[in-house]
């Protein structure tokens, strides 16, 4: 019999994708499409900024990349 760890190692993407799809569908049904899309955009930006901070690139490097000195 397959352990839970082995199951998620082999099928983790499918499980995560299914849960995200279920959550997005629930948001669309309860809040509307634009609110759901806005939430996912904010979630993606938050993840991206957090990843930059975890990688020790910092917000200063991001600021300089978006607005280079003249």
PDB file of N, CA and C in Angstrom:
ATOM      1  N   UNK A   1       0.842  -1.186   0.000  1.00  0.00           N
ATOM      2  CA  UNK A   1       0.000   0.000   0.000  1.00  0.00           C
ATOM      3  C   UNK A   1       0.883   1.244   0.000  1.00  0.00           C
ATOM      4  N   UNK A   2       0.475   2.210  -0.762  1.00  0.00           N
ATOM      5  CA  UNK A   2       1.235   3.448  -0.953  1.00  0.00           C
ATOM      6  C   UNK A   2       1.073   4.367   0.265  1.00  0.00           C
ATOM      7  N   UNK A   3       2.181   4.931   0.735  1.00  0.00           N
ATOM      8  CA  UNK A   3       2.086   5.859   1.859  1.00  0.00           C
ATOM      9  C   UNK A   3       1.616   7.221   1.358  1.00  0.00           C
ATOM     10  N   UNK A   4       1.186   8.044   2.282  1.00  0.00           N
ATOM     11  CA  UNK A   4       0.695   9.379   1.930  1.00  0.00           C
ATOM     12  C   UNK A   4       1.804  10.219   1.296  1.00  0.00           C
ATOM     13  N   UNK A   5       3.021  10.091   1.802  1.00  0.00           N
ATOM     14  CA  UNK A   5       4.153  10.834   1.246  1.00  0.00           C
ATOM     15  C   UNK A   5       4.409  10.432  -0.207  1.00  0.00           C
ATOM     16  N   UNK A   6       4.397   9.128  -0.473  1.00  0.00           N
ATOM     17  CA  UNK A   6       4.614   8.663  -1.840  1.00  0.00           C
ATOM     18  C   UNK A   6       3.505   9.131  -2.765  1.00  0.00           C
ATOM     19  N   UNK A   7       2.269   9.128  -2.250  1.00  0.00           N
ATOM     20  CA  UNK A   7       1.142   9.595  -3.054  1.00  0.00           C
ATOM     21  C   UNK A   7       1.324  11.050  -3.448  1.00  0.00           C
ATOM     22  N   UNK A   8       1.660  11.921  -2.472  1.00  0.00           N
ATOM     23  CA  UNK A   8       1.830  13.342  -2.773  1.00  0.00           C
ATOM     24  C   UNK A   8       3.085  13.608  -3.585  1.00  0.00           C
ATOM     25  N   UNK A   9       4.089  12.765  -3.474  1.00  0.00           N
ATOM     26  CA  UNK A   9       5.277  12.908  -4.310  1.00  0.00           C
ATOM     27  C   UNK A   9       4.925  12.645  -5.773  1.00  0.00           C
ATOM     28  N   UNK A  10       4.091  11.648  -6.012  1.00  0.00           N
ATOM     29  CA  UNK A  10       3.720  11.299  -7.386  1.00  0.00           C
ATOM     30  C   UNK A  10       2.591  12.149  -7.936  1.00  0.00           C
ATOM     31  N   UNK A  11       1.657  12.580  -7.081  1.00  0.00           N
ATOM     32  CA  UNK A  11       0.449  13.247  -7.555  1.00  0.00           C
ATOM     33  C   UNK A  11       0.226  14.617  -6.913  1.00  0.00           C
ATOM     34  N   UNK A  12       1.248  15.197  -6.344  1.00  0.00           N
ATOM     35  CA  UNK A  12       1.098  16.467  -5.628  1.00  0.00           C
ATOM     36  C   UNK A  12       0.598  17.606  -6.493  1.00  0.00           C
ATOM     37  N   UNK A  13       1.090  17.695  -7.713  1.00  0.00           N
ATOM     38  CA  UNK A  13       0.657  18.755  -8.619  1.00  0.00           C
ATOM     39  C   UNK A  13      -0.812  18.634  -8.967  1.00  0.00           C
ATOM     40  N   UNK A  14      -1.263  17.409  -9.178  1.00  0.00           N
ATOM     41  CA  UNK A  14      -2.670  17.191  -9.506  1.00  0.00           C
ATOM     42  C   UNK A  14      -3.572  17.552  -8.329  1.00  0.00           C
ATOM     43  N   UNK A  15      -3.158  17.161  -7.128  1.00  0.00           N
ATOM     44  CA  UNK A  15      -3.948  17.472  -5.943  1.00  0.00           C
ATOM     45  C   UNK A  15      -3.992  18.978  -5.718  1.00  0.00           C
ATOM     46  N   UNK A  16      -2.845  19.634  -5.799  1.00  0.00           N
ATOM     47  CA  UNK A  16      -2.794  21.078  -5.600  1.00  0.00           C
ATOM     48  C   UNK A  16      -3.594  21.806  -6.670  1.00  0.00           C
ATOM     49  N   UNK A  17      -3.449  21.396  -7.916  1.00  0.00           N
ATOM     50  CA  UNK A  17      -4.202  22.013  -9.005  1.00  0.00           C
ATOM     51  C   UNK A  17      -5.704  21.835  -8.829  1.00  0.00           C
ATOM     52  N   UNK A  18      -6.114  20.663  -8.398  1.00  0.00           N
ATOM     53  CA  UNK A  18      -7.539  20.414  -8.166  1.00  0.00           C
ATOM     54  C   UNK A  18      -8.072  21.276  -7.034  1.00  0.00           C
ATOM     55  N   UNK A  19      -7.310  21.397  -5.953  1.00  0.00           N
ATOM     56  CA  UNK A  19      -7.742  22.230  -4.826  1.00  0.00           C
ATOM     57  C   UNK A  19      -7.805  23.706  -5.217  1.00  0.00           C
ATOM     58  N   UNK A  20      -6.826  24.176  -5.991  1.00  0.00           N
ATOM     59  CA  UNK A  20      -6.855  25.563  -6.456  1.00  0.00           C
ATOM     60  C   UNK A  20      -8.031  25.806  -7.391  1.00  0.00           C
ATOM     61  N   UNK A  21      -8.322  24.854  -8.259  1.00  0.00           N
ATOM     62  CA  UNK A  21      -9.476  24.972  -9.144  1.00  0.00           C
ATOM     63  C   UNK A  21     -10.784  24.997  -8.373  1.00  0.00           C
ATOM     64  N   UNK A  22     -10.889  24.157  -7.369  1.00  0.00           N
ATOM     65  CA  UNK A  22     -12.080  24.140  -6.523  1.00  0.00           C
ATOM     66  C   UNK A  22     -12.246  25.465  -5.800  1.00  0.00           C
ATOM     67  N   UNK A  23     -11.160  25.991  -5.250  1.00  0.00           N
ATOM     68  CA  UNK A  23     -11.199  27.259  -4.536  1.00  0.00           C
ATOM     69  C   UNK A  23     -11.565  28.408  -5.479  1.00  0.00           C
ATOM     70  N   UNK A  24     -10.968  28.428  -6.665  1.00  0.00           N
ATOM     71  CA  UNK A  24     -11.271  29.480  -7.635  1.00  0.00           C
ATOM     72  C   UNK A  24     -12.735  29.406  -8.074  1.00  0.00           C
ATOM     73  N   UNK A  25     -13.232  28.208  -8.322  1.00  0.00           N
ATOM     74  CA  UNK A  25     -14.630  28.045  -8.691  1.00  0.00           C
ATOM     75  C   UNK A  25     -15.568  28.523  -7.600  1.00  0.00           C
ATOM     76  N   UNK A  26     -15.238  28.206  -6.363  1.00  0.00           N
ATOM     77  CA  UNK A  26     -16.043  28.665  -5.234  1.00  0.00           C
ATOM     78  C   UNK A  26     -16.032  30.192  -5.149  1.00  0.00           C
ATOM     79  N   UNK A  27     -14.856  30.802  -5.351  1.00  0.00           N
ATOM     80  CA  UNK A  27     -14.775  32.260  -5.332  1.00  0.00           C
ATOM     81  C   UNK A  27     -15.611  32.889  -6.437  1.00  0.00           C
ATOM     82  N   UNK A  28     -15.561  32.317  -7.627  1.00  0.00           N
ATOM     83  CA  UNK A  28     -16.347  32.860  -8.742  1.00  0.00           C
ATOM     84  C   UNK A  28     -17.837  32.768  -8.428  1.00  0.00           C
ATOM     85  N   UNK A  29     -18.256  31.666  -7.862  1.00  0.00           N
ATOM     86  CA  UNK A  29     -19.676  31.494  -7.558  1.00  0.00           C
ATOM     87  C   UNK A  29     -20.144  32.415  -6.432  1.00  0.00           C
ATOM     88  N   UNK A  30     -19.291  32.671  -5.452  1.00  0.00           N
ATOM     89  CA  UNK A  30     -19.722  33.466  -4.298  1.00  0.00           C
ATOM     90  C   UNK A  30     -19.418  34.953  -4.441  1.00  0.00           C
ATOM     91  N   UNK A  31     -18.343  35.308  -5.110  1.00  0.00           N
ATOM     92  CA  UNK A  31     -17.928  36.713  -5.179  1.00  0.00           C
ATOM     93  C   UNK A  31     -17.997  37.309  -6.577  1.00  0.00           C
ATOM     94  N   UNK A  32     -17.945  36.487  -7.597  1.00  0.00           N
ATOM     95  CA  UNK A  32     -17.934  36.977  -8.972  1.00  0.00           C
ATOM     96  C   UNK A  32     -16.563  36.795  -9.594  1.00  0.00           C
ATOM     97  N   UNK A  33     -16.552  36.831 -10.915  1.00  0.00           N
ATOM     98  CA  UNK A  33     -15.320  36.561 -11.654  1.00  0.00           C
ATOM     99  C   UNK A  33     -14.247  37.615 -11.408  1.00  0.00           C
ATOM    100  N   UNK A  34     -14.607  38.895 -11.464  1.00  0.00           N
ATOM    101  CA  UNK A  34     -13.599  39.951 -11.304  1.00  0.00           C
ATOM    102  C   UNK A  34     -12.968  39.929  -9.919  1.00  0.00           C
ATOM    103  N   UNK A  35     -13.760  39.697  -8.888  1.00  0.00           N
ATOM    104  CA  UNK A  35     -13.216  39.628  -7.530  1.00  0.00           C
ATOM    105  C   UNK A  35     -12.273  38.434  -7.386  1.00  0.00           C
ATOM    106  N   UNK A  36     -12.635  37.307  -7.982  1.00  0.00           N
ATOM    107  CA  UNK A  36     -11.791  36.123  -7.901  1.00  0.00           C
ATOM    108  C   UNK A  36     -10.472  36.340  -8.638  1.00  0.00           C
ATOM    109  N   UNK A  37     -10.538  36.934  -9.823  1.00  0.00           N
ATOM    110  CA  UNK A  37      -9.314  37.201 -10.594  1.00  0.00           C
ATOM    111  C   UNK A  37      -8.438  38.202  -9.846  1.00  0.00           C
ATOM    112  N   UNK A  38      -9.054  39.252  -9.280  1.00  0.00           N
ATOM    113  CA  UNK A  38      -8.304  40.232  -8.514  1.00  0.00           C
ATOM    114  C   UNK A  38      -7.587  39.577  -7.332  1.00  0.00           C
ATOM    115  N   UNK A  39      -8.277  38.685  -6.633  1.00  0.00           N
ATOM    116  CA  UNK A  39      -7.665  37.985  -5.501  1.00  0.00           C
ATOM    117  C   UNK A  39      -6.473  37.154  -5.948  1.00  0.00           C
ATOM    118  N   UNK A  40      -6.609  36.437  -7.071  1.00  0.00           N
ATOM    119  CA  UNK A  40      -5.508  35.612  -7.542  1.00  0.00           C
ATOM    120  C   UNK A  40      -4.336  36.452  -8.038  1.00  0.00           C
ATOM    121  N   UNK A  41      -4.600  37.609  -8.617  1.00  0.00           N
ATOM    122  CA  UNK A  41      -3.511  38.507  -9.029  1.00  0.00           C
ATOM    123  C   UNK A  41      -2.773  39.017  -7.793  1.00  0.00           C
ATOM    124  N   UNK A  42      -3.515  39.430  -6.777  1.00  0.00           N
ATOM    125  CA  UNK A  42      -2.881  39.886  -5.532  1.00  0.00           C
ATOM    126  C   UNK A  42      -2.095  38.758  -4.871  1.00  0.00           C
ATOM    127  N   UNK A  43      -2.639  37.564  -4.889  1.00  0.00           N
ATOM    128  CA  UNK A  43      -1.949  36.417  -4.328  1.00  0.00           C
ATOM    129  C   UNK A  43      -0.642  36.154  -5.066  1.00  0.00           C
ATOM    130  N   UNK A  44      -0.682  36.219  -6.391  1.00  0.00           N
ATOM    131  CA  UNK A  44       0.528  36.000  -7.186  1.00  0.00           C
ATOM    132  C   UNK A  44       1.585  37.064  -6.946  1.00  0.00           C
ATOM    133  N   UNK A  45       1.166  38.325  -6.872  1.00  0.00           N
ATOM    134  CA  UNK A  45       2.121  39.408  -6.585  1.00  0.00           C
ATOM    135  C   UNK A  45       2.728  39.256  -5.194  1.00  0.00           C
ATOM    136  N   UNK A  46       1.907  38.881  -4.225  1.00  0.00           N
ATOM    137  CA  UNK A  46       2.420  38.666  -2.872  1.00  0.00           C
ATOM    138  C   UNK A  46       3.422  37.529  -2.819  1.00  0.00           C
ATOM    139  N   UNK A  47       3.128  36.463  -3.532  1.00  0.00           N
ATOM    140  CA  UNK A  47       4.062  35.341  -3.589  1.00  0.00           C
ATOM    141  C   UNK A  47       5.370  35.763  -4.240  1.00  0.00           C
ATOM    142  N   UNK A  48       5.260  36.506  -5.340  1.00  0.00           N
ATOM    143  CA  UNK A  48       6.452  36.939  -6.068  1.00  0.00           C
ATOM    144  C   UNK A  48       7.327  37.848  -5.203  1.00  0.00           C
ATOM    145  N   UNK A  49       6.703  38.806  -4.522  1.00  0.00           N
ATOM    146  CA  UNK A  49       7.470  39.696  -3.653  1.00  0.00           C
ATOM    147  C   UNK A  49       8.091  38.927  -2.484  1.00  0.00           C
ATOM    148  N   UNK A  50       7.330  38.015  -1.902  1.00  0.00           N
ATOM    149  CA  UNK A  50       7.864  37.205  -0.804  1.00  0.00           C
ATOM    150  C   UNK A  50       9.025  36.338  -1.244  1.00  0.00           C
ATOM    151  N   UNK A  51       8.945  35.797  -2.452  1.00  0.00           N
ATOM    152  CA  UNK A  51      10.046  34.977  -2.973  1.00  0.00           C
ATOM    153  C   UNK A  51      11.291  35.827  -3.170  1.00  0.00           C
ATOM    154  N   UNK A  52      11.115  37.056  -3.652  1.00  0.00           N
ATOM    155  CA  UNK A  52      12.264  37.954  -3.824  1.00  0.00           C
ATOM    156  C   UNK A  52      12.913  38.253  -2.476  1.00  0.00           C
ATOM    157  N   UNK A  53      12.100  38.459  -1.454  1.00  0.00           N
ATOM    158  CA  UNK A  53      12.644  38.725  -0.127  1.00  0.00           C
ATOM    159  C   UNK A  53      13.349  37.490   0.432  1.00  0.00           C
ATOM    160  N   UNK A  54      12.774  36.303   0.198  1.00  0.00           N
ATOM    161  CA  UNK A  54      13.408  35.070   0.653  1.00  0.00           C
ATOM    162  C   UNK A  54      14.731  34.828  -0.051  1.00  0.00           C
ATOM    163  N   UNK A  55      14.813  35.214  -1.309  1.00  0.00           N
ATOM    164  CA  UNK A  55      16.054  35.045  -2.069  1.00  0.00           C
ATOM    165  C   UNK A  55      17.054  36.154  -1.761  1.00  0.00           C
ATOM    166  N   UNK A  56      16.710  37.023  -0.807  1.00  0.00           N
ATOM    167  CA  UNK A  56      17.552  38.123  -0.340  1.00  0.00           C
ATOM    168  C   UNK A  56      17.880  39.106  -1.455  1.00  0.00           C
ATOM    169  N   UNK A  57      16.971  39.266  -2.395  1.00  0.00           N
ATOM    170  CA  UNK A  57      17.156  40.282  -3.414  1.00  0.00           C
ATOM    171  C   UNK A  57      16.638  41.614  -2.905  1.00  0.00           C
ATOM    172  N   UNK A  58      15.692  41.575  -1.992  1.00  0.00           N
ATOM    173  CA  UNK A  58      15.195  42.773  -1.340  1.00  0.00           C
ATOM    174  C   UNK A  58      14.342  43.662  -2.224  1.00  0.00           C
ATOM    175  N   UNK A  59      13.624  44.558  -1.568  1.00  0.00           N
ATOM    176  CA  UNK A  59      12.765  45.484  -2.280  1.00  0.00           C
ATOM    177  C   UNK A  59      13.559  46.602  -2.941  1.00  0.00           C
ATOM    178  N   UNK A  60      14.726  46.928  -2.391  1.00  0.00           N
ATOM    179  CA  UNK A  60      15.573  47.955  -3.005  1.00  0.00           C
ATOM    180  C   UNK A  60      16.032  47.546  -4.397  1.00  0.00           C
ATOM    181  N   UNK A  61      16.413  46.282  -4.548  1.00  0.00           N
ATOM    182  CA  UNK A  61      16.832  45.787  -5.862  1.00  0.00           C
ATOM    183  C   UNK A  61      15.658  45.785  -6.828  1.00  0.00           C
ATOM    184  N   UNK A  62      14.487  45.442  -6.327  1.00  0.00           N
ATOM    185  CA  UNK A  62      13.290  45.478  -7.173  1.00  0.00           C
ATOM    186  C   UNK A  62      12.982  46.905  -7.598  1.00  0.00           C
ATOM    187  N   UNK A  63      13.077  47.852  -6.678  1.00  0.00           N
ATOM    188  CA  UNK A  63      12.815  49.260  -6.985  1.00  0.00           C
ATOM    189  C   UNK A  63      13.775  49.759  -8.061  1.00  0.00           C
ATOM    190  N   UNK A  64      15.078  49.428  -7.910  1.00  0.00           N
ATOM    191  CA  UNK A  64      16.076  49.847  -8.895  1.00  0.00           C
ATOM    192  C   UNK A  64      15.845  49.175 -10.250  1.00  0.00           C
ATOM    193  N   UNK A  65      15.316  47.957 -10.244  1.00  0.00           N
ATOM    194  CA  UNK A  65      15.032  47.271 -11.497  1.00  0.00           C
ATOM    195  C   UNK A  65      13.836  47.911 -12.197  1.00  0.00           C
ATOM    196  N   UNK A  66      12.811  48.277 -11.438  1.00  0.00           N
ATOM    197  CA  UNK A  66      11.622  48.887 -12.034  1.00  0.00           C
ATOM    198  C   UNK A  66      11.863  50.339 -12.425  1.00  0.00           C
ATOM    199  N   UNK A  67      12.655  51.064 -11.629  1.00  0.00           N
ATOM    200  CA  UNK A  67      12.920  52.472 -11.861  1.00  0.00           C
ATOM    201  C   UNK A  67      14.425  52.727 -11.839  1.00  0.00           C
ATOM    202  N   UNK A  68      15.122  52.392 -12.946  1.00  0.00           N
ATOM    203  CA  UNK A  68      16.592  52.566 -12.971  1.00  0.00           C
ATOM    204  C   UNK A  68      16.963  54.057 -12.880  1.00  0.00           C
ATOM    205  N   UNK A  69      18.124  54.333 -12.272  1.00  0.00           N
ATOM    206  CA  UNK A  69      18.560  55.740 -12.188  1.00  0.00           C
ATOM    207  C   UNK A  69      18.849  56.294 -13.579  1.00  0.00           C
ATOM    208  N   UNK A  70      18.636  57.579 -13.719  1.00  0.00           N
ATOM    209  CA  UNK A  70      18.855  58.221 -15.024  1.00  0.00           C
ATOM    210  C   UNK A  70      20.275  58.606 -15.210  1.00  0.00           C
TER     211      UNK A  70
END
